[in-house]
Each structure stands twice: as structure tokens, then as C-alpha cells.
């Protein structure tokens, strides 16, 4: 076999060297902890848990403390909270945004504010009739069940098997907590206690409906707008209703004023966080995560108010916390292979 010409061999070797890919070290692998990412749904659930459920857990005990200290009625406490919401008008004016929302969404915004006023009014009234922990439990349970039914009827978001398992477990925890108390109602105050539980149930249903309506709103500064409208509608409703249905009280002791200020601030934070959370996560999951309010309320009820906490309450609280952990854990995405592929593509 004849040897190849020297020029042709040189050209072939040069071509191979010219088109050979450069040798580069493999891209460094990212640390294991940096591959975990928070999904948008997880961010919403964390906001609902830490900003919506935990602060709201102090509202029911503080409402009961204010009522026992000076006899201040529930509608008067709600009026103080609504006045605080009116301060958002300054922000809306600075942003040159319409205080009542754009014309095409004004009716839904006013409906959202009215439903929330009904929800909070029923909740505060129930806190003064029955134990605060039981009222919060019934309210959260009815809100979760109602939000699931609304989601099945009008929502397009799909719930996974883990979501359903967490929702069922969370509702089961609430049932474990409240059913024994409902079966052992004092016959002398049975009608009065039943009325309190009905108010709590109505408050939870209104809460779920308000969250679903807020999810449908789509305009700038909608969170601040609905907060301001809540203050407007609540002030217009509570001012006359307070004199017609209850006896207003001018509190003089520092404890009552401290409780009222704390209720207004904590409830405002919870309102804003819960409304923001439904824009990121499913309303049913947000309501389930808000069950953390019940656990906080039970803790304050036991350590501050010295009210009895049964074994069923502790068992139900444990089930609720486990269900919240199941719901939130699946929203943490960990896809190391996908992340590494993205790094390689960026280098190339």
C-alpha cells in the first residue's frame, strides 16, 4: 500500500486540530442545599403560615381579654380595626390610584369588602360567646370545606394527591378538636353556645368566599384597595350597628386599649398576607395552612387565659401541624439534574 502524500497528511492533521473541541474542566456541581428552590405556591403558603395564621392566632384570645376587662363589644373592636384600614387612602392618593378600584372591577371589590366585614363580624362575635379556640376551630374548618367546594365548582387549579391528603388530615384534626366539645355542651347554655358556633361557621364560609373573589381581581394595587374598602364598608356598617345591636363602651384601662391596638395591627397583617397568598397558591391550600391560627390560639388560651385544653385539642393540633407539613413539603422543588444541565448550557 502506497504511503499518503506528506501534504495531504499535514492538511488532515491540521483540520483535526482546528475542529477539535477545546478541553475544558467540567462545570462545578452546585452544593446540595442550593438545588432546593421555593416554588411560587410554596412562597404563598409560607406567607399564609407565618404572616396569616400565626398573627391571627392571637386575635381571638385578645378579643376575649378585651371583652372580659371592660365589656367592650365585638362591633366596637371591629370599628377600631376598620378605622386603621382607612389609612391606606394616603398610599392610594400618593400612587394616584382610584380608591375604589377601576370601574370594571368596582362591584367585585365592594362585594369582597362586604363579605369580609361579615366574616370578621361573625368571628369576633363568636369569640365572645364560646371559647376562643373552639370558635377559631369551627371557623377555619368551615372555611376549608367551603373553599374546597368552591374550588371544585369554579376553580381551574388541580389539587394533587398530597394536597387532598393534607386537606383531609387538616379537617380531621379540626374535627377531633371540636366534636367532643359540641357533644358535651351545657344544657343551660346550649342554645347560646350553638348560636356562637353558627356565627363561627358563617364567618368561615364568608372567609373562603372572600379569598376566592380576591383571586379573580386583576388590577394594580388591588391588595391596598381591598384593604381600604374593607375599612370603608366596615366603618359604615359598624357605626350604626354598634348602637342598635350592642352597648358601646369607652375603655379606660390600659389592658383594653393594648388588646384593641394589638388586635387591629395583627388582624391587618393577617388580612394582607392571606389575601396575597391566594394569588400564589390554591385557596383551599391557603385555608388549610391558615389552620395554624387554631394551634396558636390554643397555646395562648392555655398559657395566658388559663382556659382548659383537653387531650383531644392536643391530638387535633398535632394532626393539623402534620397536615400542614405534608401540604407545604411537596411545593419545594429539587431537580439537581435539570439545574446542572442549565449550568452546562450557560457555559457552552
Protein backbone atom coordinates (compact mmCIF):
# COMPACT_ATOMS: atom_id res chain seq x y z
CA UNK A 1 0.00 0.00 0.00
CA UNK A 2 1.43 3.35 -1.08
CA UNK A 3 2.02 5.95 1.67
CA UNK A 4 -0.08 9.14 1.67
CA UNK A 5 1.49 12.32 0.35
CA UNK A 6 3.03 14.46 3.07
CA UNK A 7 0.92 17.50 2.19
CA UNK A 8 -2.37 15.62 2.46
CA UNK A 9 -1.39 14.15 5.84
CA UNK A 10 -0.46 17.59 7.13
CA UNK A 11 -3.76 19.06 5.97
CA UNK A 12 -5.75 16.30 7.64
CA UNK A 13 -3.90 16.73 10.91
CA UNK A 14 -4.44 20.49 10.78
CA UNK A 15 -8.15 20.00 10.11
CA UNK A 16 -8.47 17.68 13.07
CA UNK A 17 -6.73 20.13 15.34
CA UNK A 18 -8.78 23.03 14.01
CA UNK A 19 -12.19 21.46 14.67
CA UNK A 20 -11.42 19.57 17.86
CA UNK A 21 -13.39 20.96 20.82
CA UNK A 22 -11.31 22.76 23.42
CA UNK A 23 -10.56 20.82 26.54
CA UNK A 24 -12.26 22.49 29.49
CA UNK A 25 -12.75 21.27 33.02
CA UNK A 26 -16.23 20.01 33.87
CA UNK A 27 -18.52 22.60 35.44
CA UNK A 28 -18.54 22.55 39.21
CA UNK A 29 -21.57 20.92 40.75
CA UNK A 30 -23.74 23.14 42.81
CA UNK A 31 -23.97 22.45 46.54
CA UNK A 32 -26.84 20.20 47.54
CA UNK A 33 -28.59 22.90 49.55
CA UNK A 34 -28.60 25.35 46.62
CA UNK A 35 -30.56 22.95 44.42
CA UNK A 36 -33.68 23.37 46.53
CA UNK A 37 -35.95 26.06 45.20
CA UNK A 38 -39.15 27.54 46.56
CA UNK A 39 -41.98 27.41 44.07
CA UNK A 40 -44.43 30.27 43.78
CA UNK A 41 -47.03 28.15 45.55
CA UNK A 42 -44.61 27.49 48.39
CA UNK A 43 -43.93 31.20 48.79
CA UNK A 44 -47.65 31.85 49.07
CA UNK A 45 -48.09 29.09 51.63
CA UNK A 46 -45.21 30.39 53.74
CA UNK A 47 -46.73 33.87 53.71
CA UNK A 48 -50.08 32.38 54.74
CA UNK A 49 -48.45 30.33 57.50
CA UNK A 50 -46.16 32.94 59.05
CA UNK A 51 -47.98 36.13 58.16
CA UNK A 52 -51.60 34.96 58.04
CA UNK A 53 -52.08 32.13 60.52
CA UNK A 54 -49.66 32.93 63.35
CA UNK A 55 -50.69 36.60 63.90
CA UNK A 56 -54.37 35.71 63.58
CA UNK A 57 -53.97 33.17 66.36
CA UNK A 58 -53.60 36.00 68.88
CA UNK A 59 -56.73 37.85 67.73
CA UNK A 60 -59.30 35.55 69.35
CA UNK A 61 -57.69 35.48 72.83
CA UNK A 62 -57.05 39.24 72.79
CA UNK A 63 -60.69 39.84 71.79
CA UNK A 64 -61.87 37.77 74.72
CA UNK A 65 -59.44 39.54 77.07
CA UNK A 66 -60.70 42.97 75.99
CA UNK A 67 -64.30 41.91 76.47
CA UNK A 68 -63.66 40.49 79.92
CA UNK A 69 -61.61 43.52 81.02
CA UNK A 70 -64.07 46.27 80.13
CA UNK A 71 -67.04 44.67 78.37
CA UNK A 72 -66.15 46.22 75.00
CA UNK A 73 -68.45 44.68 72.34
CA UNK A 74 -67.26 42.92 69.21
CA UNK A 75 -68.57 45.51 66.73
CA UNK A 76 -66.68 48.27 68.52
CA UNK A 77 -63.44 46.30 68.21
CA UNK A 78 -64.19 45.77 64.52
CA UNK A 79 -64.80 49.53 64.14
CA UNK A 80 -61.36 50.33 65.56
CA UNK A 81 -59.82 47.91 63.10
CA UNK A 82 -61.73 49.42 60.16
CA UNK A 83 -60.51 52.91 61.09
CA UNK A 84 -56.94 51.62 60.84
CA UNK A 85 -57.66 50.35 57.32
CA UNK A 86 -58.74 53.84 56.25
CA UNK A 87 -55.11 54.98 56.46
CA UNK A 88 -54.45 53.17 53.18
CA UNK A 89 -56.19 56.07 51.43
CA UNK A 90 -52.98 58.07 51.81
CA UNK A 91 -51.00 55.43 49.92
CA UNK A 92 -53.61 55.23 47.15
CA UNK A 93 -53.62 59.01 46.75
CA UNK A 94 -49.82 59.10 46.58
CA UNK A 95 -49.86 56.42 43.88
CA UNK A 96 -52.68 58.28 42.07
CA UNK A 97 -54.73 55.08 42.03
CA UNK A 98 -58.53 55.05 42.31
CA UNK A 99 -59.50 54.41 45.92
CA UNK A 100 -62.46 52.23 44.94
CA UNK A 101 -60.68 50.32 42.20
CA UNK A 102 -61.13 50.56 38.42
CA UNK A 103 -64.74 50.83 37.19
CA UNK A 104 -64.77 47.36 35.61
CA UNK A 105 -63.82 45.67 38.91
CA UNK A 106 -65.54 48.02 41.36
CA UNK A 107 -68.56 45.81 42.05
CA UNK A 108 -66.47 42.73 42.81
CA UNK A 109 -64.16 44.79 45.01
CA UNK A 110 -67.08 46.15 47.03
CA UNK A 111 -68.56 42.66 47.26
CA UNK A 112 -65.22 41.35 48.57
CA UNK A 113 -65.11 44.08 51.22
CA UNK A 114 -68.71 43.42 52.33
CA UNK A 115 -68.14 39.67 52.62
CA UNK A 116 -65.00 40.21 54.68
CA UNK A 117 -66.82 42.56 57.04
CA UNK A 118 -69.48 39.89 57.57
CA UNK A 119 -66.78 37.25 58.13
CA UNK A 120 -64.87 39.29 60.72
CA UNK A 121 -68.04 40.48 62.46
CA UNK A 122 -69.29 36.90 62.86
CA UNK A 123 -65.87 35.74 64.02
CA UNK A 124 -65.44 38.44 66.68
CA UNK A 125 -68.95 37.83 67.99
CA UNK A 126 -68.34 34.08 68.23
CA UNK A 127 -65.10 34.65 70.17
CA UNK A 128 -67.13 36.26 72.95
CA UNK A 129 -69.84 33.59 73.06
CA UNK A 130 -67.85 30.34 73.04
CA UNK A 131 -64.22 29.53 73.94
CA UNK A 132 -61.91 31.31 71.52
CA UNK A 133 -60.08 28.13 70.50
CA UNK A 134 -63.32 26.34 69.61
CA UNK A 135 -64.64 29.33 67.66
CA UNK A 136 -61.41 29.61 65.68
CA UNK A 137 -61.51 25.86 65.02
CA UNK A 138 -65.06 25.90 63.66
CA UNK A 139 -64.34 28.98 61.57
CA UNK A 140 -61.24 27.51 59.95
CA UNK A 141 -62.89 24.16 59.36
CA UNK A 142 -65.88 25.69 57.60
CA UNK A 143 -63.58 27.95 55.53
CA UNK A 144 -61.56 24.96 54.32
CA UNK A 145 -64.58 22.87 53.41
CA UNK A 146 -66.25 25.82 51.68
CA UNK A 147 -63.09 26.72 49.75
CA UNK A 148 -62.71 23.13 48.54
CA UNK A 149 -66.31 23.09 47.32
CA UNK A 150 -65.85 26.44 45.60
CA UNK A 151 -62.63 25.22 44.03
CA UNK A 152 -64.35 22.14 42.64
CA UNK A 153 -67.14 24.29 41.19
CA UNK A 154 -65.43 27.39 39.80
CA UNK A 155 -61.64 26.97 40.12
CA UNK A 156 -59.46 25.54 37.37
CA UNK A 157 -56.47 24.65 39.56
CA UNK A 158 -55.90 20.96 40.12
CA UNK A 159 -55.09 19.54 43.54
CA UNK A 160 -52.60 16.69 43.81
CA UNK A 161 -52.99 13.60 45.93
CA UNK A 162 -50.74 15.09 48.61
CA UNK A 163 -52.91 18.21 48.67
CA UNK A 164 -56.06 16.19 49.18
CA UNK A 165 -54.37 14.12 51.86
CA UNK A 166 -53.32 17.29 53.68
CA UNK A 167 -56.76 18.86 53.36
CA UNK A 168 -58.49 15.76 54.70
CA UNK A 169 -55.98 15.45 57.54
CA UNK A 170 -56.31 19.11 58.46
CA UNK A 171 -60.10 18.88 58.53
CA UNK A 172 -59.85 15.69 60.57
CA UNK A 173 -57.67 17.48 63.11
CA UNK A 174 -60.27 20.23 63.48
CA UNK A 175 -62.99 17.61 63.88
CA UNK A 176 -61.04 15.85 66.64
CA UNK A 177 -60.76 19.15 68.48
CA UNK A 178 -64.30 20.46 68.28
CA UNK A 179 -66.64 17.45 68.18
CA UNK A 180 -66.12 16.38 71.83
CA UNK A 181 -66.94 19.93 72.96
CA UNK A 182 -70.07 20.01 70.80
CA UNK A 183 -71.26 16.72 72.28
CA UNK A 184 -70.76 17.97 75.85
CA UNK A 185 -72.48 21.34 75.69
CA UNK A 186 -74.01 22.59 78.92
CA UNK A 187 -77.79 22.26 78.64
CA UNK A 188 -78.35 25.55 80.45
CA UNK A 189 -76.37 27.46 77.79
CA UNK A 190 -76.81 25.07 74.90
CA UNK A 191 -78.80 27.48 72.71
CA UNK A 192 -76.37 30.32 73.41
CA UNK A 193 -73.34 28.17 72.58
CA UNK A 194 -74.98 26.82 69.43
CA UNK A 195 -75.53 30.38 68.24
CA UNK A 196 -71.83 31.10 68.78
CA UNK A 197 -70.78 28.09 66.73
CA UNK A 198 -73.18 29.05 63.94
CA UNK A 199 -71.61 32.51 63.84
CA UNK A 200 -68.16 30.95 63.62
CA UNK A 201 -69.29 28.69 60.78
CA UNK A 202 -70.78 31.62 58.85
CA UNK A 203 -67.58 33.58 59.36
CA UNK A 204 -65.52 30.74 57.88
CA UNK A 205 -67.78 30.41 54.85
CA UNK A 206 -67.55 34.15 54.20
CA UNK A 207 -63.76 34.00 54.57
CA UNK A 208 -63.46 31.30 51.90
CA UNK A 209 -65.76 33.18 49.52
CA UNK A 210 -63.80 36.41 50.03
CA UNK A 211 -60.49 34.72 49.21
CA UNK A 212 -61.89 33.24 46.00
CA UNK A 213 -63.28 36.63 44.93
CA UNK A 214 -59.94 38.33 45.63
CA UNK A 215 -58.20 35.75 43.44
CA UNK A 216 -60.30 36.91 40.47
CA UNK A 217 -59.29 40.57 40.81
CA UNK A 218 -56.58 41.74 38.43
CA UNK A 219 -55.58 45.40 38.65
CA UNK A 220 -52.61 47.29 40.13
CA UNK A 221 -52.63 47.96 43.88
CA UNK A 222 -55.53 45.58 44.39
CA UNK A 223 -54.23 44.49 47.81
CA UNK A 224 -54.19 48.03 49.18
CA UNK A 225 -57.51 48.83 47.51
CA UNK A 226 -59.39 45.94 49.09
CA UNK A 227 -57.85 46.78 52.48
CA UNK A 228 -59.08 50.38 52.19
CA UNK A 229 -62.54 49.32 51.04
CA UNK A 230 -62.76 46.92 53.96
CA UNK A 231 -62.26 49.90 56.25
CA UNK A 232 -64.86 51.99 54.40
CA UNK A 233 -67.57 49.32 54.35
CA UNK A 234 -66.81 48.22 57.90
CA UNK A 235 -66.98 51.77 59.25
CA UNK A 236 -70.29 52.46 57.51
CA UNK A 237 -71.81 49.19 58.77
CA UNK A 238 -70.37 49.02 62.29
CA UNK A 239 -71.08 52.63 63.30
CA UNK A 240 -74.90 52.35 63.30
CA UNK A 241 -75.00 48.62 64.09
CA UNK A 242 -72.88 49.16 67.18
CA UNK A 243 -75.53 51.43 68.71
CA UNK A 244 -78.50 49.34 67.55
CA UNK A 245 -77.30 45.83 68.48
CA UNK A 246 -74.78 46.41 71.27
CA UNK A 247 -73.90 48.89 74.00
CA UNK A 248 -70.77 50.88 73.12
CA UNK A 249 -68.15 51.19 75.83
CA UNK A 250 -65.40 53.76 76.19
CA UNK A 251 -62.47 51.71 77.56
CA UNK A 252 -60.31 53.46 80.15
CA UNK A 253 -57.98 50.72 81.36
CA UNK A 254 -54.63 50.21 79.56
CA UNK A 255 -55.23 46.47 79.12
CA UNK A 256 -58.26 47.01 76.88
CA UNK A 257 -56.52 49.62 74.74
CA UNK A 258 -53.46 47.38 74.41
CA UNK A 259 -55.63 44.47 73.29
CA UNK A 260 -57.56 46.63 70.81
CA UNK A 261 -54.38 48.03 69.25
CA UNK A 262 -52.83 44.55 69.08
CA UNK A 263 -55.97 43.09 67.51
CA UNK A 264 -56.10 45.83 64.86
CA UNK A 265 -52.42 45.51 63.89
CA UNK A 266 -52.25 41.70 63.94
CA UNK A 267 -55.52 41.32 62.06
CA UNK A 268 -54.33 43.81 59.43
CA UNK A 269 -51.13 41.82 58.87
CA UNK A 270 -53.10 38.58 58.66
CA UNK A 271 -55.59 40.10 56.21
CA UNK A 272 -52.88 41.33 53.86
CA UNK A 273 -50.85 38.11 53.99
CA UNK A 274 -53.83 35.81 53.46
CA UNK A 275 -55.02 37.90 50.50
CA UNK A 276 -51.56 37.88 48.96
CA UNK A 277 -51.19 34.13 49.49
CA UNK A 278 -54.22 33.24 47.35
CA UNK A 279 -52.57 34.94 44.38
CA UNK A 280 -49.73 32.41 44.62
CA UNK A 281 -51.38 29.22 45.90
CA UNK A 282 -54.73 27.46 45.70
CA UNK A 283 -57.38 28.99 48.03
CA UNK A 284 -58.14 25.61 49.59
CA UNK A 285 -54.47 25.09 50.46
CA UNK A 286 -54.23 28.62 51.87
CA UNK A 287 -57.23 27.97 54.12
CA UNK A 288 -55.67 24.70 55.26
CA UNK A 289 -52.37 26.41 56.12
CA UNK A 290 -54.28 29.11 57.98
CA UNK A 291 -55.27 26.37 60.44
CA UNK A 292 -52.06 27.26 62.22
CA UNK A 293 -54.18 30.01 63.76
CA UNK A 294 -56.03 27.35 65.74
CA UNK A 295 -52.81 25.93 67.18
CA UNK A 296 -51.58 29.39 68.23
CA UNK A 297 -54.98 30.23 69.72
CA UNK A 298 -54.96 27.05 71.78
CA UNK A 299 -51.48 27.85 73.10
CA UNK A 300 -52.47 31.39 74.10
CA UNK A 301 -55.74 30.11 75.52
CA UNK A 302 -53.89 27.69 77.78
CA UNK A 303 -50.88 29.76 78.86
CA UNK A 304 -52.46 33.24 79.02
CA UNK A 305 -56.20 32.83 79.57
CA UNK A 306 -55.77 29.69 81.68
CA UNK A 307 -58.64 28.01 79.83
CA UNK A 308 -58.75 24.22 79.78
CA UNK A 309 -57.16 22.35 76.87
CA UNK A 310 -58.18 18.71 76.50
CA UNK A 311 -56.30 15.75 75.12
CA UNK A 312 -58.47 15.97 72.02
CA UNK A 313 -57.23 19.53 71.45
CA UNK A 314 -53.61 18.44 71.65
CA UNK A 315 -54.24 15.46 69.38
CA UNK A 316 -56.09 17.59 66.83
CA UNK A 317 -53.35 20.24 66.89
CA UNK A 318 -50.77 17.57 66.13
CA UNK A 319 -52.79 16.28 63.18
CA UNK A 320 -53.16 19.83 61.85
CA UNK A 321 -49.42 20.51 62.06
CA UNK A 322 -48.66 17.22 60.30
CA UNK A 323 -51.15 18.03 57.53
CA UNK A 324 -49.64 21.49 57.03
CA UNK A 325 -46.19 19.88 56.76
CA UNK A 326 -47.48 17.50 54.06
CA UNK A 327 -49.07 20.33 52.07
CA UNK A 328 -46.02 22.58 52.17
CA UNK A 329 -43.30 19.93 51.72
CA UNK A 330 -44.31 18.96 48.20
CA UNK A 331 -44.03 22.56 46.99
CA UNK A 332 -40.23 22.56 47.49
CA UNK A 333 -38.76 21.56 44.13
CA UNK A 334 -35.42 19.77 43.95
CA UNK A 335 -34.22 18.92 40.45
CA UNK A 336 -30.42 18.65 40.54
CA UNK A 337 -30.06 17.14 37.07
CA UNK A 338 -32.05 19.94 35.48
CA UNK A 339 -30.01 22.56 37.30
CA UNK A 340 -26.74 21.00 36.15
CA UNK A 341 -27.97 20.94 32.55
CA UNK A 342 -28.78 24.63 32.78
CA UNK A 343 -25.26 25.36 34.05
CA UNK A 344 -23.68 23.39 31.22
CA UNK A 345 -25.81 25.17 28.61
CA UNK A 346 -24.81 28.51 30.07
CA UNK A 347 -21.10 27.64 29.82
CA UNK A 348 -21.44 26.45 26.24
